[in-house]
Protein backbone atom coordinates (compact mmCIF):
# COMPACT_ATOMS: atom_id res chain seq x y z
CA MET A 1 0.00 0.00 0.00
CA ALA A 2 1.51 3.36 -1.04
CA ILE A 3 1.79 6.11 1.55
CA SER A 4 0.79 9.60 0.43
CA LEU A 5 1.91 12.75 2.25
CA ASP A 6 0.85 16.28 1.39
CA ARG A 7 3.32 19.19 1.34
CA LYS A 8 2.17 20.48 4.72
CA SER A 9 2.91 17.13 6.34
CA ILE A 10 6.35 16.99 4.72
CA VAL A 11 7.18 20.50 5.97
CA THR A 12 5.98 19.55 9.47
CA ILE A 13 8.13 16.42 9.47
CA PHE A 14 11.15 18.41 8.25
CA ILE A 15 10.70 21.05 10.96
CA PHE A 16 10.35 18.32 13.58
CA PHE A 17 13.50 16.58 12.31
CA TRP A 18 15.46 19.87 12.24
CA THR A 19 14.29 20.70 15.76
CA CYS A 20 15.42 17.30 17.05
CA CYS A 21 18.85 17.69 15.46
CA THR A 22 19.22 21.20 16.85
CA SER A 23 18.19 20.03 20.31
CA ARG A 24 20.70 17.21 20.20
CA ALA A 25 23.46 19.60 19.13
CA MET A 26 22.56 22.00 21.94
CA SER A 27 22.44 19.08 24.36
CA ARG A 28 25.92 17.98 23.31
CA THR A 29 27.22 21.56 23.70
CA LEU A 30 25.67 21.90 27.12
CA SER A 31 26.99 18.49 28.07
CA GLU A 32 30.54 19.39 27.00
CA SER A 33 30.25 22.67 28.90
CA SER A 34 29.01 20.83 31.98
CA ILE A 35 31.84 18.31 31.78
CA ALA A 36 34.41 21.10 31.43
CA THR A 37 32.98 22.77 34.53
CA GLN A 38 32.99 19.52 36.50
CA HIS A 39 36.56 18.82 35.43
CA GLU A 40 37.63 22.27 36.66
CA GLU A 41 35.90 21.63 39.99
CA TRP A 42 37.66 18.26 40.19
CA MET A 43 41.03 19.91 39.44
CA VAL A 44 40.51 22.42 42.25
CA PHE A 45 39.37 19.70 44.66
CA HIS A 46 42.46 17.57 43.97
CA GLY A 47 44.91 20.42 43.42
CA ARG A 48 45.68 19.20 39.91
CA VAL A 49 47.67 21.45 37.52
CA TYR A 50 48.66 20.50 33.96
CA ALA A 51 51.78 21.46 32.04
CA ASP A 52 49.91 22.98 29.08
CA SER A 53 46.56 23.20 27.29
CA VAL A 54 47.27 20.07 25.24
CA GLU A 55 47.70 17.98 28.39
CA ARG A 56 44.60 19.57 29.92
CA ILE A 57 42.44 18.71 26.89
CA LYS A 58 43.74 15.14 26.95
CA ARG A 59 43.01 14.72 30.67
CA GLN A 60 39.57 16.32 30.34
CA GLN A 61 38.65 13.77 27.67
CA ILE A 62 39.77 10.91 29.94
CA PHE A 63 37.83 12.51 32.82
CA LYS A 64 34.74 12.65 30.58
CA GLU A 65 35.01 8.97 29.65
CA ASN A 66 35.51 7.96 33.28
CA LEU A 67 32.59 10.15 34.33
CA PHE A 68 30.16 8.35 32.02
CA ILE A 69 31.50 4.99 33.16
CA GLU A 70 30.89 6.09 36.75
CA LYS A 71 27.36 7.17 35.83
CA HIS A 72 26.65 3.81 34.24
CA ASN A 73 28.05 1.93 37.24
CA GLU A 74 25.89 3.97 39.59
CA GLY A 75 22.73 2.86 37.78
CA ASN A 76 22.27 6.06 35.77
CA LYS A 77 22.12 8.32 38.79
CA SER A 78 22.57 12.03 38.18
CA LEU A 79 25.78 12.82 36.32
CA GLY A 80 28.39 14.38 38.55
CA PHE A 81 27.09 12.91 41.81
CA HIS A 82 30.41 11.18 42.39
CA LYS A 83 32.61 13.36 40.19
CA MET A 84 35.17 13.99 42.93
CA ARG A 85 36.11 10.31 42.97
CA VAL A 86 36.30 10.14 39.18
CA GLY A 87 39.84 10.49 37.84
CA ASP A 88 41.62 11.79 34.76
CA ILE A 89 43.75 8.63 34.54
CA GLU A 90 43.19 6.27 31.63
CA PRO A 91 41.18 3.14 32.60
CA ASN A 92 43.94 0.91 31.22
CA LEU A 93 47.57 1.35 30.24
CA HIS A 94 50.24 -0.85 28.64
CA TRP A 95 53.67 0.73 28.12
CA ARG A 96 54.92 -2.34 26.26
CA LYS A 97 52.32 -1.76 23.53
CA ARG A 98 53.51 1.85 23.37
CA GLY A 99 57.06 0.68 22.68
CA ALA A 100 58.60 1.79 25.99
CA VAL A 101 59.52 -1.67 27.32
CA ASN A 102 62.45 -3.83 26.21
CA ASN A 103 62.41 -7.61 25.86
CA ILE A 104 62.43 -9.76 28.98
CA LYS A 105 65.82 -10.05 30.68
CA ASN A 106 67.15 -12.68 33.08
CA GLN A 107 69.17 -11.71 36.15
CA GLY A 108 70.42 -15.28 36.51
CA LEU A 109 71.93 -16.14 39.90
CA CYS A 110 72.68 -12.53 40.84
CA GLY A 111 70.52 -10.96 43.53
CA ILE A 112 70.12 -7.91 41.37
CA CYS A 113 66.40 -7.44 40.81
CA SER A 114 66.47 -3.78 41.91
CA ALA A 115 69.07 -2.88 39.28
CA PHE A 116 67.01 -4.55 36.56
CA ALA A 117 63.88 -2.71 37.69
CA VAL A 118 65.57 0.69 37.86
CA VAL A 119 67.32 0.24 34.51
CA ALA A 120 63.99 -0.76 32.91
CA ALA A 121 62.43 2.45 34.24
CA VAL A 122 65.31 4.49 32.78
CA GLU A 123 64.91 2.68 29.45
CA GLY A 124 61.19 3.48 29.49
CA ILE A 125 61.49 7.20 30.17
CA THR A 126 64.35 7.44 27.64
CA LYS A 127 62.07 6.00 24.96
CA ILE A 128 59.20 8.30 25.93
CA LYS A 129 61.35 11.44 25.88
CA THR A 130 63.67 10.67 22.94
CA GLY A 131 61.73 8.17 20.84
CA LYS A 132 64.60 5.67 21.07
CA LEU A 133 64.32 2.40 23.01
CA VAL A 134 67.85 1.69 24.25
CA SER A 135 68.84 -1.43 26.18
CA PHE A 136 71.11 -0.46 29.09
CA THR A 137 73.29 -2.90 31.02
CA ASP A 138 72.14 -3.83 34.52
CA GLY A 139 75.21 -4.81 36.60
CA CYS A 140 75.38 -7.48 39.30
CA HIS A 141 75.06 -5.98 42.77
CA GLY A 142 71.74 -6.03 44.61
CA GLN A 143 70.83 -2.73 46.28
CA TYR A 144 67.82 -0.69 47.29
CA ASP A 145 66.41 1.23 44.35
CA GLU A 146 67.45 4.61 45.78
CA LYS A 147 71.13 3.56 45.80
CA ASN A 148 70.87 2.38 42.21
CA LEU A 149 69.32 5.69 41.23
CA ASP A 150 72.00 7.64 43.08
CA TYR A 151 74.67 5.66 41.22
CA ILE A 152 73.08 6.37 37.84
CA GLN A 153 72.77 10.04 38.73
CA SER A 154 76.50 10.18 39.51
CA TYR A 155 78.00 7.91 36.85
CA GLY A 156 75.38 7.34 34.17
CA LEU A 157 74.53 4.13 32.27
CA GLN A 158 76.26 2.28 29.47
CA THR A 159 74.36 0.63 26.66
CA GLU A 160 74.16 -3.15 26.70
CA ALA A 161 75.95 -3.24 23.33
CA GLU A 162 78.93 -1.36 24.83
CA TYR A 163 79.02 -3.34 28.08
CA PRO A 164 77.00 -6.59 27.85
CA TYR A 165 75.56 -8.05 31.04
CA ASP A 166 77.11 -11.45 31.78
CA GLY A 167 76.09 -12.10 35.39
CA LYS A 168 79.28 -10.50 36.87
CA GLU A 169 80.35 -7.30 38.12
CA VAL A 170 75.36 4.54 33.68
CA ARG A 171 73.36 9.39 34.01
CA ILE A 172 70.09 10.77 35.30
CA ARG A 173 69.33 14.23 36.64
CA GLY A 174 67.26 13.00 39.55
CA TYR A 175 64.35 10.81 40.56
CA LYS A 176 61.12 10.96 42.52
CA ILE A 177 59.80 8.49 45.07
CA VAL A 178 56.07 7.85 44.89
CA PRO A 179 54.55 7.63 48.39
CA PRO A 180 54.64 3.98 49.58
CA ARG A 181 51.42 1.96 49.81
CA ASN A 182 49.62 4.55 47.70
CA GLU A 183 48.27 2.96 44.55
CA GLU A 184 46.47 6.13 43.46
CA GLN A 185 49.80 7.98 43.31
CA LEU A 186 51.33 5.02 41.49
CA LEU A 187 48.60 5.29 38.85
CA LYS A 188 49.46 8.95 38.36
CA ALA A 189 53.17 8.18 38.05
CA MET A 190 52.52 5.40 35.55
CA ALA A 191 50.59 7.79 33.34
CA ASN A 192 54.02 9.20 32.47
CA GLN A 193 56.23 6.11 32.31
CA PRO A 194 56.96 2.56 33.54
CA VAL A 195 57.76 2.64 37.27
CA ALA A 196 60.22 0.59 39.34
CA VAL A 197 58.49 -0.87 42.41
CA GLY A 198 59.44 -2.99 45.38
CA VAL A 199 57.12 -5.75 46.60
CA GLU A 200 56.96 -8.18 49.50
CA GLY A 201 55.43 -11.62 49.35
CA VAL A 202 56.90 -12.88 46.08
CA PHE A 203 58.63 -15.78 47.82
CA THR A 204 56.12 -16.31 50.63
CA TRP A 205 52.37 -16.87 50.79
CA GLU A 206 51.66 -14.09 53.26
CA CYS A 207 52.58 -10.46 52.65
CA GLY A 208 54.31 -8.37 55.28
CA THR A 209 56.28 -5.13 55.38
CA TYR A 210 59.74 -6.30 54.28
CA LEU A 211 60.45 -5.71 50.59
CA ASN A 212 62.19 -8.70 49.03
CA HIS A 213 61.87 -8.19 45.28
CA ALA A 214 62.01 -5.34 42.76
CA ILE A 215 60.07 -5.32 39.50
CA ILE A 216 58.95 -2.85 36.86
CA ALA A 217 55.27 -1.92 36.65
CA ILE A 218 54.45 -1.36 32.96
CA GLY A 219 50.67 -1.06 32.97
CA TYR A 220 47.31 -1.82 34.50
CA ASN A 221 43.95 -3.15 33.40
CA GLN A 222 41.12 -5.37 34.59
CA ASP A 223 39.54 -8.65 33.53
CA ALA A 224 36.92 -11.06 34.85
CA ASN A 225 39.02 -11.56 37.99
CA GLY A 226 39.24 -7.85 38.77
CA LYS A 227 41.78 -5.03 38.49
CA TYR A 228 45.47 -5.83 38.19
CA TRP A 229 48.93 -4.35 37.70
CA LEU A 230 50.92 -5.61 34.71
CA ILE A 231 54.46 -6.43 35.82
CA ARG A 232 57.67 -7.13 33.88
CA ASN A 233 59.93 -9.45 35.88
CA SER A 234 63.65 -10.22 35.47
CA TRP A 235 63.60 -14.03 35.67
CA GLY A 236 63.57 -14.77 31.95
CA GLU A 237 60.70 -15.67 29.62
CA GLN A 238 60.11 -19.03 31.31
CA SER A 239 58.62 -17.38 34.40
CA GLY A 240 55.04 -16.15 34.70
CA GLU A 241 53.34 -15.32 31.41
CA GLY A 242 56.37 -15.12 29.13
CA GLY A 243 58.28 -13.17 31.75
CA TYR A 244 55.34 -10.97 32.73
CA MET A 245 52.85 -11.35 35.57
CA LYS A 246 49.74 -9.74 37.02
CA LEU A 247 49.41 -8.46 40.57
CA LYS A 248 45.98 -7.77 41.98
CA ARG A 249 45.35 -4.07 42.52
CA ASP A 250 44.10 -2.47 45.74
CA THR A 251 45.69 -5.26 47.82
CA VAL A 252 49.41 -5.34 47.02
CA THR A 253 51.89 -3.42 49.19
CA LEU A 254 54.00 -1.42 46.79
CA LEU A 255 56.95 0.89 47.27
CA SER A 256 57.19 2.87 44.06
CA HIS A 257 60.07 4.78 42.58
CA SER A 258 59.19 7.07 39.71
CA LEU A 259 61.89 8.48 37.47
CA SER A 260 59.53 11.16 36.22
CA LYS A 261 61.97 13.99 36.94
CA CYS A 262 64.98 12.27 35.41
CA VAL A 263 64.55 13.84 32.00
CA GLY A 264 62.01 16.55 32.59
CA ALA A 265 58.76 14.61 32.73
CA LYS A 266 56.27 15.72 35.37
CA ILE A 267 53.95 13.88 37.71
CA ILE A 268 50.42 14.99 36.83
């Protein structure tokens, strides 16, 4: 059966369609304006300052995406109700996929995990700042991460091609320590680069307060089992998932060392 419409009906339909489109455009504009305002309020609440307008636009977009996720999770309650707990950090991050992580290394029999972790962090920030992924040599003396960082600051690092690591017995401008046991601050640090962290409980079933292993945190995500940190270990590809492992977030005691100030990067 053919449908016949007179000119008046067509004009009415067109006006209705145009009005709907205009309303949607206005709604989007108002929505963007509202999100910008909420982001500014969030920045003031958390004391957040960005390096430039480009970084601010990027973080506002992430804030927007997280805000709508929060709204959905709250059962479509009013937008902005929990905006102060919404962040401007990406919901997932993988520095290996961004080319800032070298292949898995193996420390062998040397108790040198902290050196491997710190060197991996230096390799990561070097790639991020220069665009070149260089493999530095790691050495063979176990130390706390701060001592390794102090050594690098004083003497610098050699490339692995110049001084290959063989299980026997290189310069940064400084480093920053992320507050211990503070996973929110670790998330912020990781937004800039891979981060060297110390953990306890790798060799025992129960966690305590003594740090007995150093690793490099290269990302975070979540799956059916919950949120997790993505870790690059230094025990070769035969350990974990091809040399990588996942640590459950919000439960692991972490002491984090960020090299964000080594080459001018800033903690957001």
